């Protein structure tokens, strides 16, 4: 009698192992997740699930479980607009009955880590893990802001012809379908002007005839630094300008921090010292503004040798590097899309 029961139990365990192999073999090659073996002496508990490819918590061991078959990693998802692809991560653990499913990321598909379940009679494992997928939502709606409602302000960095930076941003916008073939943004930047001029005369030009302005790209304070060792009033002048913009209905501002001055970058020590002293105040003022929302963009990381010949103004390559960085922020923040 004992011998027959022992044989039946052995056959049942063998049947569970073969059934587990069959289930695992049915998973899609592109969406299966890695499963680990069941815990010795017990069936693996159910791990939590994870979205966007992050690992979930492993389940607690139960009793008498069989090892699961390892799956293959999830395939990389297509990139969302302005974002990067989300790659499915390996599942936390699986046993004989483990399955995996493909998740989604806005703007493109991705594979999630997959859900794994324990063998028959196992206890429920840890709580489900969670994690967000790609950074971009892919929900930007084109045509919400007209080209004429985008204004560029500042001094020669944006004003000097040819306007490499503006042209690069516009090229990117046309390729994305956010700007018509013959449309351009309005540029009221004037070479050699200080922060006070930008905040008064240029802003008057931007709103001449009650022209609508929704989005502004600008710099300011560089000329003030060329004229002295610092600009103690630049921050307060900028704050006043932001207040005028809020009243006029401006929704967003991108303020760009100047690249390192000089050729090669950083070699103009006196101007660099002034900018290093003045720009933190400008950054604080920008980031403290919620109406309009001001976005601080530091140009120094993308400015390399060859991006300027005179130490101040962009060459074509400088315009490409700066324009691409500004455009990437516009896409990420859904500005003028």
Protein backbone atom coordinates (compact mmCIF):
# COMPACT_ATOMS: atom_id res chain seq x y z
CA UNK A 1 0.00 0.00 0.00
CA UNK A 2 2.79 2.47 0.88
CA UNK A 3 4.66 1.60 -2.30
CA UNK A 4 1.64 2.36 -4.54
CA UNK A 5 1.05 5.73 -2.90
CA UNK A 6 4.70 6.59 -3.32
CA UNK A 7 4.52 5.76 -7.03
CA UNK A 8 1.37 7.86 -7.53
CA UNK A 9 2.95 10.87 -5.80
CA UNK A 10 6.10 10.58 -7.89
CA UNK A 11 4.04 10.41 -11.09
CA UNK A 12 2.03 13.49 -10.10
CA UNK A 13 5.22 15.54 -9.48
CA UNK A 14 6.64 14.39 -12.82
CA UNK A 15 3.35 15.41 -14.54
CA UNK A 16 3.56 18.90 -13.03
CA UNK A 17 7.15 19.33 -14.25
CA UNK A 18 6.23 18.31 -17.84
CA UNK A 19 3.15 20.59 -17.80
CA UNK A 20 5.34 23.49 -16.69
CA UNK A 21 7.67 22.93 -19.63
CA UNK A 22 4.71 22.98 -22.01
CA UNK A 23 3.33 26.29 -20.65
CA UNK A 24 6.71 28.01 -20.72
CA UNK A 25 7.28 26.91 -24.30
CA UNK A 26 4.10 28.72 -25.38
CA UNK A 27 5.32 32.17 -24.35
CA UNK A 28 6.15 34.64 -27.12
CA UNK A 29 9.86 35.01 -27.85
CA UNK A 30 9.59 38.79 -27.71
CA UNK A 31 7.75 39.08 -24.42
CA UNK A 32 8.82 36.22 -22.18
CA UNK A 33 10.54 37.07 -18.92
CA UNK A 34 13.29 35.21 -17.13
CA UNK A 35 12.06 32.86 -14.45
CA UNK A 36 14.18 31.46 -11.67
CA UNK A 37 13.90 27.98 -10.27
CA UNK A 38 11.44 27.18 -7.52
CA UNK A 39 12.74 27.22 -3.98
CA UNK A 40 14.00 23.85 -2.71
CA UNK A 41 11.53 22.01 -0.55
CA UNK A 42 8.57 24.17 -1.58
CA UNK A 43 6.64 25.70 -4.44
CA UNK A 44 7.71 29.24 -5.27
CA UNK A 45 5.21 31.87 -4.12
CA UNK A 46 3.73 34.33 -6.57
CA UNK A 47 6.00 37.33 -7.19
CA UNK A 48 4.49 40.78 -7.84
CA UNK A 49 4.34 42.18 -11.33
CA UNK A 50 6.40 45.08 -12.65
CA UNK A 51 5.49 47.67 -15.25
CA UNK A 52 8.07 49.26 -17.58
CA UNK A 53 10.55 46.46 -17.06
CA UNK A 54 11.48 46.89 -13.37
CA UNK A 55 11.97 43.87 -11.13
CA UNK A 56 9.15 42.98 -8.76
CA UNK A 57 9.52 41.45 -5.34
CA UNK A 58 10.04 37.72 -5.24
CA UNK A 59 7.43 35.53 -3.54
CA UNK A 60 7.99 33.59 -0.35
CA UNK A 61 8.76 29.87 -0.65
CA UNK A 62 5.87 27.42 -0.17
CA UNK A 63 6.07 23.65 -0.05
CA UNK A 64 7.29 21.08 -2.55
CA UNK A 65 7.56 23.19 -5.72
CA UNK A 66 9.03 22.26 -9.08
CA UNK A 67 11.52 24.55 -10.88
CA UNK A 68 10.16 26.71 -13.72
CA UNK A 69 11.65 27.00 -17.16
CA UNK A 70 13.71 30.16 -17.84
CA UNK A 71 12.16 32.48 -20.43
CA UNK A 72 13.88 34.92 -22.76
CA UNK A 73 14.15 38.69 -22.14
CA UNK A 74 11.47 41.08 -23.42
CA UNK A 75 12.16 42.90 -26.66
CA UNK A 76 12.94 46.62 -26.69
CA UNK A 77 9.88 48.82 -27.22
CA UNK A 78 9.68 51.52 -29.86
CA UNK A 79 10.73 54.97 -28.56
CA UNK A 80 8.02 57.39 -27.50
CA UNK A 81 8.15 60.93 -28.87
CA UNK A 82 11.16 62.64 -27.34
CA UNK A 83 11.83 59.65 -25.14
CA UNK A 84 13.95 56.53 -25.29
CA UNK A 85 12.88 52.93 -25.77
CA UNK A 86 11.84 50.94 -22.77
CA UNK A 87 13.33 47.49 -22.65
CA UNK A 88 11.50 44.69 -20.90
CA UNK A 89 13.43 43.46 -17.87
CA UNK A 90 13.68 39.88 -16.75
CA UNK A 91 10.86 38.60 -14.55
CA UNK A 92 11.55 38.28 -10.83
CA UNK A 93 10.99 34.53 -10.55
CA UNK A 94 8.84 31.87 -12.11
CA UNK A 95 7.79 28.32 -11.53
CA UNK A 96 6.19 25.78 -13.75
CA UNK A 97 3.12 27.90 -14.46
CA UNK A 98 4.93 31.22 -15.13
CA UNK A 99 3.66 33.45 -17.95
CA UNK A 100 4.73 36.80 -19.35
CA UNK A 101 2.88 39.64 -21.03
CA UNK A 102 3.84 42.64 -23.18
CA UNK A 103 3.30 46.04 -21.59
CA UNK A 104 2.91 49.40 -23.31
CA UNK A 105 4.64 52.77 -23.16
CA UNK A 106 2.93 55.88 -24.55
CA UNK A 107 4.21 56.59 -28.05
CA UNK A 108 5.59 53.06 -28.49
CA UNK A 109 5.31 49.53 -27.20
CA UNK A 110 7.58 47.86 -24.72
CA UNK A 111 7.79 44.56 -22.88
CA UNK A 112 7.19 44.29 -19.18
CA UNK A 113 8.88 41.93 -16.81
CA UNK A 114 6.06 39.41 -16.96
CA UNK A 115 3.95 37.79 -14.26
CA UNK A 116 5.01 34.51 -12.72
CA UNK A 117 2.87 32.25 -10.57
CA UNK A 118 3.89 29.56 -8.14
CA UNK A 119 3.14 25.87 -8.39
CA UNK A 120 -0.07 24.28 -7.13
CA UNK A 121 -0.66 24.68 -3.43
CA UNK A 122 1.95 27.46 -3.03
CA UNK A 123 1.32 30.52 -0.86
CA UNK A 124 0.96 34.04 -2.34
CA UNK A 125 4.30 35.83 -2.41
CA UNK A 126 5.33 39.46 -1.84
CA UNK A 127 3.39 42.53 -2.89
CA UNK A 128 3.41 43.67 -6.52
CA UNK A 129 6.26 45.92 -7.59
CA UNK A 130 5.72 48.95 -9.76
CA UNK A 131 7.78 51.24 -12.00
CA UNK A 132 7.10 53.79 -14.72
CA UNK A 133 8.16 53.15 -18.31
CA UNK A 134 9.46 55.81 -20.75
CA UNK A 135 9.58 59.49 -19.77
CA UNK A 136 7.58 60.80 -22.70
CA UNK A 137 3.80 60.65 -22.73
CA UNK A 138 3.46 61.18 -26.48
CA UNK A 139 0.34 63.33 -25.89
CA UNK A 140 1.57 66.68 -27.32
CA UNK A 141 -1.02 68.22 -29.63
CA UNK A 142 0.26 70.07 -32.66
CA UNK A 143 -1.14 73.45 -33.66
CA UNK A 144 -1.90 74.70 -30.14
CA UNK A 145 0.59 77.59 -30.50
CA UNK A 146 1.06 79.53 -33.73
CA UNK A 147 4.54 80.22 -35.11
CA UNK A 148 3.96 83.97 -34.59
CA UNK A 149 3.33 83.32 -30.88
CA UNK A 150 6.87 81.98 -30.39
CA UNK A 151 9.33 84.82 -29.71
CA UNK A 152 13.14 84.80 -29.41
CA UNK A 153 14.69 87.56 -27.26
CA UNK A 154 18.18 88.50 -26.14
CA UNK A 155 21.32 89.97 -27.70
CA UNK A 156 23.80 88.97 -30.39
CA UNK A 157 23.91 85.29 -29.39
CA UNK A 158 20.44 85.02 -30.94
CA UNK A 159 20.37 88.16 -33.09
CA UNK A 160 23.54 87.91 -35.16
CA UNK A 161 23.04 86.74 -38.76
CA UNK A 162 23.09 84.03 -39.92
CA UNK A 163 20.86 82.95 -37.06
CA UNK A 164 22.18 79.41 -36.80
CA UNK A 165 20.35 78.58 -33.57
CA UNK A 166 16.92 79.76 -34.69
CA UNK A 167 17.33 78.06 -38.07
CA UNK A 168 18.22 74.75 -36.42
CA UNK A 169 15.22 74.85 -34.08
CA UNK A 170 12.93 75.67 -37.00
CA UNK A 171 14.41 72.86 -39.12
CA UNK A 172 13.69 70.39 -36.32
CA UNK A 173 10.17 71.77 -35.91
CA UNK A 174 9.43 71.40 -39.62
CA UNK A 175 10.68 67.82 -39.65
CA UNK A 176 8.37 67.05 -36.73
CA UNK A 177 5.40 68.69 -38.45
CA UNK A 178 5.16 71.40 -35.79
CA UNK A 179 6.03 74.29 -38.11
CA UNK A 180 4.90 75.01 -41.65
CA UNK A 181 7.40 75.06 -44.52
CA UNK A 182 7.24 78.85 -44.84
CA UNK A 183 6.62 79.68 -41.16
CA UNK A 184 9.23 81.18 -38.83
CA UNK A 185 9.37 82.20 -35.19
CA UNK A 186 9.56 85.90 -34.36
CA UNK A 187 13.02 87.15 -33.40
CA UNK A 188 13.26 90.52 -31.59
CA UNK A 189 16.80 90.01 -30.21
CA UNK A 190 19.14 93.00 -30.70
CA UNK A 191 22.95 92.78 -30.63
CA UNK A 192 24.82 94.55 -27.84
CA UNK A 193 21.86 95.11 -25.51
CA UNK A 194 21.79 94.67 -21.75
CA UNK A 195 19.19 93.01 -19.55
CA UNK A 196 17.23 96.21 -18.98
CA UNK A 197 16.88 96.80 -22.75
CA UNK A 198 15.69 93.22 -23.26
CA UNK A 199 13.10 93.59 -20.49
CA UNK A 200 11.73 96.88 -21.82
CA UNK A 201 12.38 97.71 -25.49
CA UNK A 202 12.51 94.14 -26.79
CA UNK A 203 9.44 93.11 -24.83
CA UNK A 204 7.59 96.13 -26.25
CA UNK A 205 8.59 95.01 -29.75
CA UNK A 206 7.40 91.46 -29.03
CA UNK A 207 3.94 92.68 -28.02
CA UNK A 208 3.65 95.53 -30.54
CA UNK A 209 0.05 95.94 -31.70
CA UNK A 210 -1.15 93.57 -28.96
CA UNK A 211 0.59 90.68 -30.69
CA UNK A 212 0.00 87.40 -28.89
CA UNK A 213 3.04 85.76 -27.26
CA UNK A 214 2.69 82.28 -25.75
CA UNK A 215 6.25 80.95 -25.65
CA UNK A 216 9.60 82.76 -25.31
CA UNK A 217 13.18 81.57 -25.87
CA UNK A 218 15.70 84.02 -24.45
CA UNK A 219 18.97 84.86 -22.74
CA UNK A 220 20.15 88.05 -21.08
CA UNK A 221 22.85 89.48 -18.83
CA UNK A 222 25.82 88.65 -21.05
CA UNK A 223 26.28 92.22 -22.23
CA UNK A 224 25.99 93.42 -18.63
CA UNK A 225 28.91 91.13 -17.79
CA UNK A 226 30.92 92.45 -20.74
CA UNK A 227 30.44 95.94 -19.33
CA UNK A 228 31.38 95.14 -15.73
CA UNK A 229 32.47 92.55 -13.24
CA UNK A 230 28.91 91.54 -12.28
CA UNK A 231 25.26 92.40 -12.79
CA UNK A 232 23.58 92.72 -9.37
CA UNK A 233 20.30 93.97 -10.93
CA UNK A 234 19.94 91.30 -13.63
CA UNK A 235 17.90 88.96 -11.42
CA UNK A 236 15.39 91.61 -10.34
CA UNK A 237 15.07 92.94 -13.92
CA UNK A 238 14.40 89.42 -15.15
CA UNK A 239 11.75 88.92 -12.45
CA UNK A 240 9.99 92.11 -13.53
CA UNK A 241 10.02 90.92 -17.14
CA UNK A 242 8.50 87.57 -16.16
CA UNK A 243 5.71 89.48 -14.40
CA UNK A 244 4.97 91.42 -17.60
CA UNK A 245 4.93 88.16 -19.54
CA UNK A 246 2.44 86.61 -17.13
CA UNK A 247 0.11 89.57 -17.55
CA UNK A 248 0.36 89.26 -21.34
CA UNK A 249 -0.54 85.55 -21.29
CA UNK A 250 2.87 83.98 -21.89
CA UNK A 251 2.68 80.34 -20.84
CA UNK A 252 6.30 79.18 -20.93
CA UNK A 253 9.82 80.63 -21.13
CA UNK A 254 13.07 78.86 -21.91
CA UNK A 255 15.99 80.86 -20.53
CA UNK A 256 19.34 79.61 -21.82
CA UNK A 257 22.46 79.86 -19.70
CA UNK A 258 25.37 81.07 -21.84
CA UNK A 259 28.07 78.63 -22.96
CA UNK A 260 31.53 79.03 -21.52
CA UNK A 261 32.99 82.18 -23.14
CA UNK A 262 36.19 82.16 -25.16
CA UNK A 263 37.76 80.09 -27.89
CA UNK A 264 38.39 77.44 -26.74
CA UNK A 265 35.37 77.52 -24.37
CA UNK A 266 36.23 78.89 -20.93
CA UNK A 267 39.38 80.74 -21.98
CA UNK A 268 37.85 84.21 -21.43
CA UNK A 269 38.51 84.20 -17.69
CA UNK A 270 37.07 87.63 -16.79
CA UNK A 271 33.77 87.12 -18.62
CA UNK A 272 33.49 83.59 -17.26
CA UNK A 273 33.96 84.89 -13.70
CA UNK A 274 31.13 87.40 -14.14
CA UNK A 275 28.79 84.86 -15.69
CA UNK A 276 29.57 82.37 -12.93
CA UNK A 277 28.59 85.03 -10.39
CA UNK A 278 25.49 86.33 -12.21
CA UNK A 279 23.90 83.20 -13.69
CA UNK A 280 22.96 81.49 -10.38
CA UNK A 281 20.67 84.45 -9.60
CA UNK A 282 19.12 84.19 -13.08
CA UNK A 283 18.60 80.46 -12.58
CA UNK A 284 16.95 81.00 -9.21
CA UNK A 285 14.65 83.65 -10.68
CA UNK A 286 13.72 81.43 -13.62
CA UNK A 287 13.06 78.28 -11.63
CA UNK A 288 11.02 80.26 -9.09
CA UNK A 289 8.57 81.46 -11.74
CA UNK A 290 5.36 79.47 -12.16
CA UNK A 291 3.44 82.00 -14.27
CA UNK A 292 4.83 81.88 -16.81
CA UNK A 293 6.59 78.58 -16.18
CA UNK A 294 10.30 79.25 -16.73
CA UNK A 295 12.58 76.40 -17.83
CA UNK A 296 16.33 76.78 -17.23
CA UNK A 297 18.50 75.27 -20.00
CA UNK A 298 22.27 75.21 -19.50
CA UNK A 299 24.12 75.36 -22.83
CA UNK A 300 27.57 74.63 -21.43
CA UNK A 301 27.42 70.81 -21.71
CA UNK A 302 26.86 70.88 -25.50
CA UNK A 303 29.26 73.74 -26.37
CA UNK A 304 32.56 72.33 -27.65
CA UNK A 305 35.67 73.52 -29.49
CA UNK A 306 34.67 74.70 -32.96
CA UNK A 307 31.24 75.94 -31.85
CA UNK A 308 32.58 79.51 -31.78
CA UNK A 309 35.43 81.35 -33.51
CA UNK A 310 35.28 84.62 -31.57
CA UNK A 311 34.52 83.18 -28.14
CA UNK A 312 30.97 84.56 -28.01
CA UNK A 313 28.87 83.76 -31.07
CA UNK A 314 27.93 80.37 -32.54
CA UNK A 315 29.30 78.90 -35.72
CA UNK A 316 27.07 76.59 -37.74
CA UNK A 317 28.06 73.65 -35.52
CA UNK A 318 27.41 75.75 -32.42
CA UNK A 319 23.98 76.59 -33.75
CA UNK A 320 23.25 72.93 -34.37
CA UNK A 321 24.30 71.87 -30.87
CA UNK A 322 22.39 74.66 -29.13
CA UNK A 323 19.36 74.38 -31.43
CA UNK A 324 19.12 70.62 -30.92
CA UNK A 325 19.30 71.00 -27.14
CA UNK A 326 16.57 73.65 -27.08
CA UNK A 327 14.40 71.59 -29.42
CA UNK A 328 14.79 68.50 -27.24
CA UNK A 329 13.53 70.52 -24.26
CA UNK A 330 10.62 71.80 -26.34
CA UNK A 331 9.66 68.24 -27.26
CA UNK A 332 10.04 66.97 -23.70
CA UNK A 333 7.95 69.81 -22.29
CA UNK A 334 5.41 69.87 -25.18
CA UNK A 335 6.27 73.49 -26.01
CA UNK A 336 5.17 74.83 -29.42
CA UNK A 337 4.55 71.29 -30.65
